[in-house]
């Protein structure tokens, strides 16, 4: 597609996404890797929240969470999810829809080990998404975990990664008079080739 030039140029959407994220890391004030992750519950009711994208792999996007959380239960039940990444500083966004799989191996262990000690202990202490009596109760649990797990806690069995393998990726850039530029990459499955289309704003 000859008109796909400049920031939209390239034959690999993951390369384009990595390029946009790298640019955002120099201009976005906080959390350039924040994504608004959307899931649906067992009744089909949508749910969304902000999480931090931790890696753009060759064929997927990866983030980490508590497997006992509401989001994890919805991800496991549906097997599909979507997210949007929006950068006000660049006036750009990326939308992704695709299939979900867990990352529970050495890569999850390595990422967990790279986190600060307090974050690692917090992952053990928090019963994410479940009712909490008070902040004091949470801090007491952190103290308990600190005493029992020590300075090098292992990754909790209930904590790990999710990989979104997309069947659709849309790149959007702001245009004057709301005449935005939009290109969508689509494929039926990971094994298929991408098709690229320009969309009306």
N, C-alpha and C. Protein backbone atom coordinates (compact mmCIF):
# COMPACT_ATOMS: atom_id res chain seq x y z
N UNK A 1 0.86 -1.19 0.00
CA UNK A 1 0.00 0.00 0.00
C UNK A 1 0.90 1.24 0.00
N UNK A 2 1.06 1.88 -1.15
CA UNK A 2 2.05 2.94 -1.32
C UNK A 2 1.80 4.16 -0.45
N UNK A 3 0.51 4.44 -0.12
CA UNK A 3 0.23 5.63 0.66
C UNK A 3 0.59 5.46 2.13
N UNK A 4 0.89 4.23 2.57
CA UNK A 4 1.23 3.99 3.97
C UNK A 4 2.71 4.29 4.18
N UNK A 5 2.98 5.56 4.51
CA UNK A 5 4.36 6.02 4.65
C UNK A 5 4.51 6.71 6.01
N UNK A 6 5.72 7.24 6.23
CA UNK A 6 5.97 7.95 7.48
C UNK A 6 5.81 7.05 8.69
N UNK A 7 5.04 7.49 9.69
CA UNK A 7 4.90 6.72 10.93
C UNK A 7 4.13 5.42 10.73
N UNK A 8 3.43 5.28 9.59
CA UNK A 8 2.66 4.07 9.31
C UNK A 8 3.43 3.07 8.44
N UNK A 9 4.63 3.42 8.01
CA UNK A 9 5.37 2.58 7.07
C UNK A 9 5.89 1.31 7.74
N UNK A 10 5.99 0.25 6.95
CA UNK A 10 6.55 -1.00 7.44
C UNK A 10 5.67 -2.18 7.10
N UNK A 11 6.29 -3.37 7.12
CA UNK A 11 5.57 -4.60 6.78
C UNK A 11 5.27 -5.46 7.99
N UNK A 12 5.61 -4.98 9.19
CA UNK A 12 5.38 -5.74 10.41
C UNK A 12 4.71 -4.82 11.43
N UNK A 13 3.44 -5.09 11.79
CA UNK A 13 2.75 -4.19 12.72
C UNK A 13 3.39 -4.15 14.11
N UNK A 14 4.06 -5.22 14.50
CA UNK A 14 4.71 -5.23 15.82
C UNK A 14 5.92 -4.30 15.82
N UNK A 15 6.62 -4.21 14.70
CA UNK A 15 7.72 -3.24 14.58
C UNK A 15 7.18 -1.82 14.67
N UNK A 16 6.05 -1.55 14.02
CA UNK A 16 5.45 -0.22 14.08
C UNK A 16 5.05 0.10 15.52
N UNK A 17 4.43 -0.87 16.20
CA UNK A 17 4.01 -0.66 17.58
C UNK A 17 5.20 -0.39 18.49
N UNK A 18 6.28 -1.15 18.30
CA UNK A 18 7.48 -0.91 19.11
C UNK A 18 8.06 0.47 18.85
N UNK A 19 8.04 0.90 17.59
CA UNK A 19 8.55 2.22 17.23
C UNK A 19 7.72 3.33 17.88
N UNK A 20 6.40 3.20 17.82
CA UNK A 20 5.53 4.20 18.43
C UNK A 20 5.73 4.25 19.94
N UNK A 21 5.85 3.08 20.58
CA UNK A 21 6.04 3.03 22.02
C UNK A 21 7.38 3.67 22.40
N UNK A 22 8.43 3.38 21.64
CA UNK A 22 9.74 3.97 21.93
C UNK A 22 9.68 5.49 21.83
N UNK A 23 8.94 5.99 20.85
CA UNK A 23 8.79 7.44 20.71
C UNK A 23 8.01 8.02 21.89
N UNK A 24 6.97 7.31 22.31
CA UNK A 24 6.16 7.78 23.44
C UNK A 24 6.96 7.80 24.73
N UNK A 25 7.92 6.90 24.86
CA UNK A 25 8.74 6.85 26.07
C UNK A 25 9.58 8.11 26.26
N UNK A 26 9.77 8.86 25.19
CA UNK A 26 10.54 10.10 25.29
C UNK A 26 9.66 11.33 25.49
N UNK A 27 8.34 11.17 25.34
CA UNK A 27 7.45 12.34 25.39
C UNK A 27 6.31 12.23 26.39
N UNK A 28 5.88 11.01 26.69
CA UNK A 28 4.74 10.84 27.60
C UNK A 28 5.22 10.97 29.05
N UNK A 29 4.51 11.76 29.85
CA UNK A 29 4.98 12.06 31.20
C UNK A 29 4.97 10.82 32.09
N UNK A 30 3.87 10.09 32.11
CA UNK A 30 3.75 8.91 32.98
C UNK A 30 3.28 7.69 32.21
N UNK A 31 3.90 6.56 32.51
CA UNK A 31 3.45 5.26 32.01
C UNK A 31 3.11 5.24 30.52
N UNK A 32 4.10 5.45 29.65
CA UNK A 32 3.82 5.37 28.21
C UNK A 32 3.37 3.99 27.77
N UNK A 33 3.60 2.97 28.62
CA UNK A 33 3.20 1.60 28.29
C UNK A 33 1.85 1.21 28.90
N UNK A 34 1.08 2.21 29.38
CA UNK A 34 -0.24 1.91 29.94
C UNK A 34 -1.22 1.54 28.83
N UNK A 35 -2.01 0.50 29.08
CA UNK A 35 -3.06 0.10 28.14
C UNK A 35 -4.38 0.00 28.89
N UNK A 36 -5.46 0.33 28.21
CA UNK A 36 -6.81 0.13 28.75
C UNK A 36 -7.28 -1.24 28.26
N UNK A 37 -7.24 -2.21 29.15
CA UNK A 37 -7.56 -3.59 28.81
C UNK A 37 -9.05 -3.84 28.99
N UNK A 38 -9.69 -4.38 27.97
CA UNK A 38 -11.13 -4.67 28.01
C UNK A 38 -11.37 -6.17 27.96
N UNK A 39 -12.26 -6.63 28.85
CA UNK A 39 -12.66 -8.02 28.91
C UNK A 39 -14.19 -8.07 29.02
N UNK A 40 -14.74 -9.28 29.02
CA UNK A 40 -16.18 -9.46 29.30
C UNK A 40 -16.32 -10.55 30.35
N UNK A 41 -17.34 -10.41 31.22
CA UNK A 41 -17.57 -11.43 32.22
C UNK A 41 -18.44 -12.55 31.65
N UNK A 42 -18.80 -13.50 32.51
CA UNK A 42 -19.55 -14.68 32.05
C UNK A 42 -20.92 -14.31 31.49
N UNK A 43 -21.43 -13.13 31.86
CA UNK A 43 -22.73 -12.67 31.34
C UNK A 43 -22.58 -11.76 30.13
N UNK A 44 -21.36 -11.59 29.65
CA UNK A 44 -21.12 -10.73 28.50
C UNK A 44 -21.03 -9.25 28.84
N UNK A 45 -20.99 -8.91 30.14
CA UNK A 45 -20.89 -7.51 30.55
C UNK A 45 -19.45 -7.05 30.43
N UNK A 46 -19.18 -5.97 29.68
CA UNK A 46 -17.81 -5.50 29.49
C UNK A 46 -17.20 -4.96 30.78
N UNK A 47 -15.88 -5.03 30.84
CA UNK A 47 -15.11 -4.53 31.96
C UNK A 47 -13.81 -3.98 31.41
N UNK A 48 -13.32 -2.89 31.98
CA UNK A 48 -12.05 -2.34 31.50
C UNK A 48 -11.27 -1.75 32.67
N UNK A 49 -9.94 -1.74 32.51
CA UNK A 49 -9.05 -1.19 33.51
C UNK A 49 -7.68 -0.94 32.87
N UNK A 50 -6.89 -0.10 33.54
CA UNK A 50 -5.55 0.19 33.05
C UNK A 50 -4.56 -0.83 33.60
N UNK A 51 -3.73 -1.36 32.72
CA UNK A 51 -2.62 -2.22 33.13
C UNK A 51 -1.38 -1.77 32.35
N UNK A 52 -0.22 -2.28 32.75
CA UNK A 52 1.02 -1.89 32.08
C UNK A 52 1.49 -3.00 31.14
N UNK A 53 1.65 -2.64 29.88
CA UNK A 53 2.20 -3.56 28.90
C UNK A 53 3.69 -3.72 29.18
N UNK A 54 4.16 -4.96 29.24
CA UNK A 54 5.56 -5.19 29.60
C UNK A 54 6.45 -5.63 28.45
N UNK A 55 5.85 -6.13 27.38
CA UNK A 55 6.68 -6.55 26.25
C UNK A 55 5.85 -6.63 24.98
N UNK A 56 6.48 -6.24 23.88
CA UNK A 56 5.91 -6.50 22.56
C UNK A 56 6.79 -7.56 21.91
N UNK A 57 6.28 -8.78 21.85
CA UNK A 57 7.03 -9.89 21.28
C UNK A 57 6.93 -9.86 19.76
N UNK A 58 7.49 -10.89 19.13
CA UNK A 58 7.44 -10.97 17.67
C UNK A 58 6.01 -11.09 17.16
N UNK A 59 5.11 -11.72 17.96
CA UNK A 59 3.74 -11.96 17.50
C UNK A 59 2.69 -11.67 18.56
N UNK A 60 3.06 -11.00 19.65
CA UNK A 60 2.09 -10.82 20.74
C UNK A 60 2.48 -9.68 21.66
N UNK A 61 1.51 -9.29 22.51
CA UNK A 61 1.68 -8.27 23.52
C UNK A 61 1.53 -8.93 24.89
N UNK A 62 2.41 -8.60 25.85
CA UNK A 62 2.44 -9.31 27.13
C UNK A 62 2.28 -8.35 28.30
N UNK A 63 1.45 -8.76 29.28
CA UNK A 63 1.32 -8.03 30.54
C UNK A 63 1.18 -9.07 31.66
N UNK A 64 1.26 -8.60 32.91
CA UNK A 64 1.25 -9.52 34.06
C UNK A 64 0.20 -9.11 35.08
N UNK A 65 -0.33 -10.12 35.81
CA UNK A 65 -1.36 -9.83 36.80
C UNK A 65 -1.53 -11.02 37.74
N UNK A 66 -2.44 -10.86 38.70
CA UNK A 66 -2.84 -11.92 39.62
C UNK A 66 -3.86 -12.81 38.91
N UNK A 67 -3.59 -14.11 38.86
CA UNK A 67 -4.49 -15.03 38.16
C UNK A 67 -5.83 -15.22 38.87
N UNK A 68 -5.92 -14.78 40.12
CA UNK A 68 -7.18 -14.90 40.86
C UNK A 68 -8.01 -13.62 40.81
N UNK A 69 -7.53 -12.62 40.07
CA UNK A 69 -8.24 -11.35 39.95
C UNK A 69 -9.44 -11.48 39.03
N UNK A 70 -10.31 -10.48 39.09
CA UNK A 70 -11.48 -10.48 38.20
C UNK A 70 -11.06 -10.48 36.74
N UNK A 71 -10.04 -9.67 36.42
CA UNK A 71 -9.61 -9.60 35.01
C UNK A 71 -9.11 -10.94 34.52
N UNK A 72 -8.35 -11.65 35.37
CA UNK A 72 -7.81 -12.94 34.97
C UNK A 72 -8.92 -13.97 34.76
N UNK A 73 -9.90 -13.96 35.65
CA UNK A 73 -11.01 -14.88 35.49
C UNK A 73 -11.76 -14.62 34.18
N UNK A 74 -11.92 -13.34 33.85
CA UNK A 74 -12.60 -12.99 32.59
C UNK A 74 -11.75 -13.34 31.38
N UNK A 75 -10.44 -13.14 31.48
CA UNK A 75 -9.55 -13.50 30.38
C UNK A 75 -9.58 -15.01 30.14
N UNK A 76 -9.50 -15.78 31.22
CA UNK A 76 -9.49 -17.24 31.09
C UNK A 76 -10.82 -17.76 30.54
N UNK A 77 -11.91 -17.15 30.98
CA UNK A 77 -13.24 -17.62 30.57
C UNK A 77 -13.50 -17.33 29.09
N UNK A 78 -13.15 -16.12 28.65
CA UNK A 78 -13.44 -15.73 27.26
C UNK A 78 -12.36 -16.17 26.29
N UNK A 79 -11.12 -16.16 26.75
CA UNK A 79 -10.02 -16.51 25.85
C UNK A 79 -9.70 -15.44 24.83
N UNK A 80 -10.34 -14.28 24.98
CA UNK A 80 -10.13 -13.17 24.06
C UNK A 80 -10.16 -11.86 24.84
N UNK A 81 -9.52 -10.83 24.29
CA UNK A 81 -9.52 -9.51 24.94
C UNK A 81 -9.13 -8.46 23.92
N UNK A 82 -9.24 -7.21 24.34
CA UNK A 82 -8.79 -6.10 23.51
C UNK A 82 -8.17 -5.05 24.41
N UNK A 83 -7.38 -4.17 23.81
CA UNK A 83 -6.85 -3.04 24.56
C UNK A 83 -6.63 -1.86 23.63
N UNK A 84 -6.55 -0.70 24.22
CA UNK A 84 -6.16 0.51 23.50
C UNK A 84 -5.03 1.18 24.25
N UNK A 85 -4.05 1.65 23.50
CA UNK A 85 -2.92 2.41 24.02
C UNK A 85 -3.04 3.81 23.44
N UNK A 86 -3.13 4.81 24.29
CA UNK A 86 -3.32 6.17 23.80
C UNK A 86 -2.25 7.09 24.37
N UNK A 87 -1.64 7.89 23.49
CA UNK A 87 -0.61 8.83 23.92
C UNK A 87 -1.05 10.25 23.56
N UNK A 88 -1.39 11.03 24.59
CA UNK A 88 -1.81 12.41 24.36
C UNK A 88 -0.68 13.24 23.77
N UNK A 89 0.56 12.96 24.21
CA UNK A 89 1.70 13.75 23.74
C UNK A 89 1.92 13.59 22.24
N UNK A 90 1.65 12.40 21.71
CA UNK A 90 1.85 12.13 20.28
C UNK A 90 0.57 12.24 19.47
N UNK A 91 -0.57 12.29 20.17
CA UNK A 91 -1.88 12.27 19.50
C UNK A 91 -2.02 11.05 18.61
N UNK A 92 -1.68 9.91 19.23
CA UNK A 92 -1.77 8.63 18.52
C UNK A 92 -2.35 7.57 19.44
N UNK A 93 -2.87 6.51 18.84
CA UNK A 93 -3.31 5.37 19.63
C UNK A 93 -3.18 4.10 18.81
N UNK A 94 -3.09 2.98 19.55
CA UNK A 94 -3.07 1.64 18.95
C UNK A 94 -4.18 0.83 19.60
N UNK A 95 -5.00 0.20 18.77
CA UNK A 95 -6.07 -0.69 19.27
C UNK A 95 -5.73 -2.12 18.85
N UNK A 96 -5.91 -3.05 19.80
CA UNK A 96 -5.56 -4.45 19.55
C UNK A 96 -6.71 -5.35 20.00
N UNK A 97 -7.03 -6.35 19.18
CA UNK A 97 -8.00 -7.39 19.56
C UNK A 97 -7.40 -8.74 19.23
N UNK A 98 -7.58 -9.71 20.14
CA UNK A 98 -7.00 -11.01 19.85
C UNK A 98 -7.26 -12.07 20.88
N UNK A 99 -6.52 -13.16 20.74
CA UNK A 99 -6.66 -14.34 21.58
C UNK A 99 -5.69 -14.26 22.76
N UNK A 100 -6.12 -14.89 23.86
CA UNK A 100 -5.38 -14.83 25.12
C UNK A 100 -4.73 -16.17 25.45
N UNK A 101 -3.50 -16.13 25.95
CA UNK A 101 -2.86 -17.32 26.51
C UNK A 101 -2.01 -16.87 27.69
N UNK A 102 -1.74 -17.78 28.59
CA UNK A 102 -0.94 -17.45 29.77
C UNK A 102 0.56 -17.56 29.50
N UNK A 103 1.33 -16.77 30.23
CA UNK A 103 2.79 -16.86 30.25
C UNK A 103 3.18 -17.23 31.68
N UNK A 104 3.47 -18.53 31.90
CA UNK A 104 3.75 -19.02 33.26
C UNK A 104 5.13 -19.63 33.39
N UNK A 105 5.98 -19.47 32.39
CA UNK A 105 7.28 -20.11 32.39
C UNK A 105 8.42 -19.23 32.86
N UNK A 106 9.62 -19.52 32.38
CA UNK A 106 10.81 -18.77 32.78
C UNK A 106 10.72 -17.27 32.52
N UNK A 107 10.00 -16.88 31.48
CA UNK A 107 9.85 -15.45 31.18
C UNK A 107 9.09 -14.75 32.30
N UNK A 108 8.04 -15.39 32.82
CA UNK A 108 7.28 -14.82 33.95
C UNK A 108 8.15 -14.76 35.20
N UNK A 109 8.94 -15.82 35.43
CA UNK A 109 9.84 -15.83 36.58
C UNK A 109 10.85 -14.68 36.49
N UNK A 110 11.40 -14.48 35.29
CA UNK A 110 12.41 -13.43 35.10
C UNK A 110 11.81 -12.05 35.30
N UNK A 111 10.61 -11.83 34.76
CA UNK A 111 10.00 -10.51 34.95
C UNK A 111 9.69 -10.27 36.43
N UNK A 112 9.14 -11.28 37.10
CA UNK A 112 8.82 -11.13 38.53
C UNK A 112 10.09 -10.79 39.31
N UNK A 113 11.18 -11.47 39.02
CA UNK A 113 12.44 -11.23 39.73
C UNK A 113 12.99 -9.83 39.47
N UNK A 114 12.62 -9.23 38.34
CA UNK A 114 13.13 -7.89 37.99
C UNK A 114 12.39 -6.77 38.72
N UNK A 115 11.25 -7.08 39.33
CA UNK A 115 10.46 -6.07 40.02
C UNK A 115 11.11 -5.71 41.36
N UNK A 116 10.72 -4.56 41.90
CA UNK A 116 11.23 -4.17 43.21
C UNK A 116 10.75 -5.17 44.26
N UNK A 117 11.50 -5.27 45.35
CA UNK A 117 11.15 -6.21 46.41
C UNK A 117 9.75 -5.91 46.95
N UNK A 118 9.44 -4.64 47.15
CA UNK A 118 8.12 -4.29 47.69
C UNK A 118 7.00 -4.71 46.74
N UNK A 119 7.23 -4.59 45.44
CA UNK A 119 6.23 -5.02 44.47
C UNK A 119 6.07 -6.54 44.49
N UNK A 120 7.18 -7.26 44.66
CA UNK A 120 7.11 -8.72 44.71
C UNK A 120 6.34 -9.18 45.96
N UNK A 121 6.63 -8.52 47.09
CA UNK A 121 5.93 -8.87 48.32
C UNK A 121 4.45 -8.49 48.23
N UNK A 122 4.17 -7.35 47.58
CA UNK A 122 2.79 -6.93 47.40
C UNK A 122 1.99 -7.92 46.58
N UNK A 123 2.64 -8.54 45.59
CA UNK A 123 1.94 -9.55 44.77
C UNK A 123 1.51 -10.73 45.63
N UNK A 124 2.33 -11.10 46.61
CA UNK A 124 1.96 -12.19 47.53
C UNK A 124 0.84 -11.75 48.46
N UNK A 125 0.88 -10.49 48.93
CA UNK A 125 -0.04 -10.03 49.97
C UNK A 125 -1.44 -9.71 49.47
N UNK A 126 -1.56 -9.22 48.24
CA UNK A 126 -2.85 -8.74 47.75
C UNK A 126 -3.72 -9.86 47.21
N UNK A 127 -4.94 -9.95 47.72
CA UNK A 127 -5.95 -10.83 47.15
C UNK A 127 -6.75 -9.99 46.15
N UNK A 128 -6.14 -9.74 45.02
CA UNK A 128 -6.62 -8.75 44.07
C UNK A 128 -8.09 -8.94 43.70
N UNK A 129 -8.83 -7.81 43.69
CA UNK A 129 -10.24 -7.73 43.31
C UNK A 129 -11.21 -8.19 44.39
N UNK A 130 -10.70 -8.78 45.47
CA UNK A 130 -11.59 -9.26 46.51
C UNK A 130 -11.75 -8.20 47.62
N UNK A 131 -12.83 -8.25 48.39
CA UNK A 131 -13.06 -7.24 49.43
C UNK A 131 -11.91 -7.16 50.43
N UNK A 132 -11.63 -5.93 50.89
CA UNK A 132 -10.54 -5.67 51.84
C UNK A 132 -11.11 -4.90 53.02
N UNK A 133 -10.84 -5.40 54.23
CA UNK A 133 -11.38 -4.78 55.44
C UNK A 133 -10.87 -3.35 55.62
N UNK A 134 -9.56 -3.16 55.42
CA UNK A 134 -8.96 -1.83 55.60
C UNK A 134 -7.57 -1.83 55.02
N UNK A 135 -7.01 -0.63 54.84
CA UNK A 135 -5.63 -0.54 54.38
C UNK A 135 -4.69 -1.13 55.43
N UNK A 136 -5.05 -0.94 56.71
CA UNK A 136 -4.25 -1.52 57.78
C UNK A 136 -4.15 -3.02 57.67
N UNK A 137 -5.25 -3.66 57.30
CA UNK A 137 -5.24 -5.12 57.13
C UNK A 137 -4.30 -5.53 55.99
N UNK A 138 -4.30 -4.74 54.93
CA UNK A 138 -3.40 -5.03 53.81
C UNK A 138 -1.94 -4.88 54.24
N UNK A 139 -1.62 -3.82 54.97
CA UNK A 139 -0.24 -3.60 55.40
C UNK A 139 0.21 -4.68 56.38
N UNK A 140 -0.73 -5.17 57.20
CA UNK A 140 -0.41 -6.26 58.12
C UNK A 140 -0.07 -7.52 57.34
N UNK A 141 -0.80 -7.74 56.24
CA UNK A 141 -0.52 -8.91 55.40
C UNK A 141 0.84 -8.77 54.71
N UNK A 142 1.18 -7.55 54.29
CA UNK A 142 2.50 -7.31 53.68
C UNK A 142 3.60 -7.62 54.70
N UNK A 143 3.41 -7.19 55.95
CA UNK A 143 4.40 -7.46 56.99
C UNK A 143 4.54 -8.96 57.24
N UNK A 144 3.42 -9.66 57.23
CA UNK A 144 3.43 -11.11 57.44
C UNK A 144 4.18 -11.82 56.30
N UNK A 145 3.90 -11.39 55.08
CA UNK A 145 4.56 -11.98 53.92
C UNK A 145 6.05 -11.67 53.93
N UNK A 146 6.40 -10.45 54.31
CA UNK A 146 7.81 -10.06 54.39
C UNK A 146 8.57 -10.96 55.35
N UNK A 147 7.95 -11.26 56.48
CA UNK A 147 8.60 -12.12 57.48
C UNK A 147 8.73 -13.56 57.00
N UNK A 148 7.74 -14.03 56.26
CA UNK A 148 7.74 -15.43 55.85
C UNK A 148 8.49 -15.70 54.54
N UNK A 149 8.49 -14.73 53.63
CA UNK A 149 9.09 -14.96 52.31
C UNK A 149 10.54 -14.48 52.19
N UNK A 150 10.94 -13.54 53.07
CA UNK A 150 12.32 -13.08 53.06
C UNK A 150 12.63 -12.12 51.93
N UNK A 151 13.93 -11.86 51.70
CA UNK A 151 14.34 -10.83 50.74
C UNK A 151 14.31 -11.26 49.28
N UNK A 152 14.03 -12.53 49.01
CA UNK A 152 14.02 -12.99 47.62
C UNK A 152 12.84 -13.94 47.39
N UNK A 153 11.61 -13.41 47.48
CA UNK A 153 10.44 -14.28 47.36
C UNK A 153 10.30 -14.85 45.94
N UNK A 154 9.89 -16.10 45.83
CA UNK A 154 9.65 -16.67 44.49
C UNK A 154 8.37 -16.10 43.90
N UNK A 155 8.18 -16.29 42.61
CA UNK A 155 6.94 -15.84 41.97
C UNK A 155 5.78 -16.65 42.53
N UNK A 156 4.71 -15.97 42.96
CA UNK A 156 3.54 -16.70 43.47
C UNK A 156 2.93 -17.58 42.37
N UNK A 157 2.41 -18.74 42.74
CA UNK A 157 1.79 -19.61 41.72
C UNK A 157 0.53 -18.99 41.12
N UNK A 158 -0.03 -17.99 41.82
CA UNK A 158 -1.24 -17.34 41.34
C UNK A 158 -0.95 -16.02 40.61
N UNK A 159 0.28 -15.82 40.19
CA UNK A 159 0.67 -14.56 39.55
C UNK A 159 1.52 -14.87 38.32
N UNK A 160 1.20 -14.22 37.19
CA UNK A 160 1.98 -14.46 35.98
C UNK A 160 1.52 -13.59 34.83
N UNK A 161 1.86 -14.01 33.64
CA UNK A 161 1.62 -13.18 32.48
C UNK A 161 0.47 -13.66 31.62
N UNK A 162 0.02 -12.72 30.79
CA UNK A 162 -0.93 -13.02 29.72
C UNK A 162 -0.36 -12.48 28.42
N UNK A 163 -0.60 -13.24 27.38
CA UNK A 163 -0.15 -12.86 26.05
C UNK A 163 -1.39 -12.66 25.17
N UNK A 164 -1.47 -11.49 24.54
CA UNK A 164 -2.54 -11.26 23.56
C UNK A 164 -1.93 -11.41 22.17
N UNK A 165 -2.38 -12.42 21.46
CA UNK A 165 -1.94 -12.64 20.09
C UNK A 165 -3.01 -12.06 19.18
N UNK A 166 -2.73 -10.94 18.53
CA UNK A 166 -3.80 -10.21 17.84
C UNK A 166 -4.22 -10.80 16.51
N UNK A 167 -5.51 -10.60 16.23
CA UNK A 167 -6.05 -10.83 14.89
C UNK A 167 -6.38 -9.49 14.25
N UNK A 168 -6.28 -8.40 15.05
CA UNK A 168 -6.53 -7.06 14.52
C UNK A 168 -5.70 -6.04 15.30
N UNK A 169 -5.01 -5.18 14.57
CA UNK A 169 -4.25 -4.08 15.16
C UNK A 169 -4.56 -2.83 14.35
N UNK A 170 -5.00 -1.79 15.02
CA UNK A 170 -5.30 -0.54 14.33
C UNK A 170 -4.39 0.58 14.84
N UNK A 171 -3.78 1.29 13.90
CA UNK A 171 -2.93 2.44 14.20
C UNK A 171 -3.69 3.71 13.82
N UNK A 172 -3.78 4.64 14.76
CA UNK A 172 -4.57 5.88 14.59
C UNK A 172 -3.68 7.07 14.91
N UNK A 173 -3.73 8.08 14.07
CA UNK A 173 -3.01 9.33 14.34
C UNK A 173 -3.95 10.50 14.08
N UNK A 174 -3.88 11.48 14.97
CA UNK A 174 -4.74 12.66 14.90
C UNK A 174 -4.51 13.43 13.61
N UNK A 175 -5.59 13.92 13.01
CA UNK A 175 -5.49 14.73 11.82
C UNK A 175 -6.21 16.05 12.00
N UNK A 176 -5.85 17.05 11.22
CA UNK A 176 -6.52 18.35 11.32
C UNK A 176 -7.99 18.22 10.93
N UNK A 177 -8.82 19.02 11.60
CA UNK A 177 -10.27 19.02 11.36
C UNK A 177 -10.88 17.63 11.56
N UNK A 178 -10.25 16.84 12.47
CA UNK A 178 -10.71 15.49 12.80
C UNK A 178 -10.68 14.54 11.60
N UNK A 179 -9.85 14.86 10.61
CA UNK A 179 -9.65 13.97 9.47
C UNK A 179 -8.45 13.08 9.79
N UNK A 180 -8.66 12.14 10.72
CA UNK A 180 -7.58 11.33 11.25
C UNK A 180 -7.10 10.29 10.24
N UNK A 181 -5.89 9.80 10.46
CA UNK A 181 -5.35 8.69 9.67
C UNK A 181 -5.50 7.40 10.46
N UNK A 182 -6.10 6.39 9.83
CA UNK A 182 -6.32 5.09 10.47
C UNK A 182 -5.96 3.97 9.50
N UNK A 183 -5.13 3.06 9.96
CA UNK A 183 -4.81 1.86 9.19
C UNK A 183 -5.03 0.64 10.08
N UNK A 184 -5.77 -0.33 9.58
CA UNK A 184 -6.05 -1.54 10.36
C UNK A 184 -5.41 -2.75 9.68
N UNK A 185 -4.73 -3.55 10.50
CA UNK A 185 -4.13 -4.80 10.06
C UNK A 185 -5.03 -5.93 10.57
N UNK A 186 -5.44 -6.85 9.68
CA UNK A 186 -6.33 -7.95 10.08
C UNK A 186 -5.80 -9.28 9.54
N UNK A 187 -6.09 -10.34 10.31
CA UNK A 187 -5.80 -11.70 9.88
C UNK A 187 -6.76 -12.63 10.61
N UNK A 188 -7.02 -13.79 10.04
CA UNK A 188 -7.94 -14.74 10.66
C UNK A 188 -7.32 -15.43 11.86
N UNK A 189 -6.02 -15.75 11.76
CA UNK A 189 -5.31 -16.43 12.85
C UNK A 189 -3.84 -16.07 12.76
N UNK A 190 -3.07 -16.50 13.75
CA UNK A 190 -1.64 -16.23 13.79
C UNK A 190 -0.91 -16.80 12.57
N UNK A 191 -1.46 -17.87 12.00
CA UNK A 191 -0.81 -18.51 10.86
C UNK A 191 -1.05 -17.77 9.55
N UNK A 192 -2.02 -16.86 9.52
CA UNK A 192 -2.39 -16.19 8.28
C UNK A 192 -1.59 -14.90 8.06
N UNK A 193 -1.55 -14.47 6.81
CA UNK A 193 -0.90 -13.20 6.48
C UNK A 193 -1.82 -12.04 6.87
N UNK A 194 -1.21 -10.91 7.10
CA UNK A 194 -1.96 -9.69 7.42
C UNK A 194 -2.50 -9.04 6.15
N UNK A 195 -3.67 -8.46 6.25
CA UNK A 195 -4.16 -7.56 5.21
C UNK A 195 -4.25 -6.18 5.87
N UNK A 196 -3.98 -5.13 5.10
CA UNK A 196 -3.96 -3.78 5.65
C UNK A 196 -4.93 -2.90 4.87
N UNK A 197 -5.74 -2.15 5.60
CA UNK A 197 -6.71 -1.26 4.97
C UNK A 197 -6.67 0.11 5.64
N UNK A 198 -6.88 1.15 4.84
CA UNK A 198 -7.10 2.48 5.41
C UNK A 198 -8.56 2.61 5.76
N UNK A 199 -8.85 3.22 6.91
CA UNK A 199 -10.23 3.41 7.35
C UNK A 199 -10.59 4.88 7.33
N UNK A 200 -11.87 5.15 7.12
CA UNK A 200 -12.36 6.51 7.30
C UNK A 200 -12.20 6.93 8.76
N UNK A 201 -11.98 8.23 8.98
CA UNK A 201 -11.87 8.68 10.36
C UNK A 201 -13.22 8.64 11.06
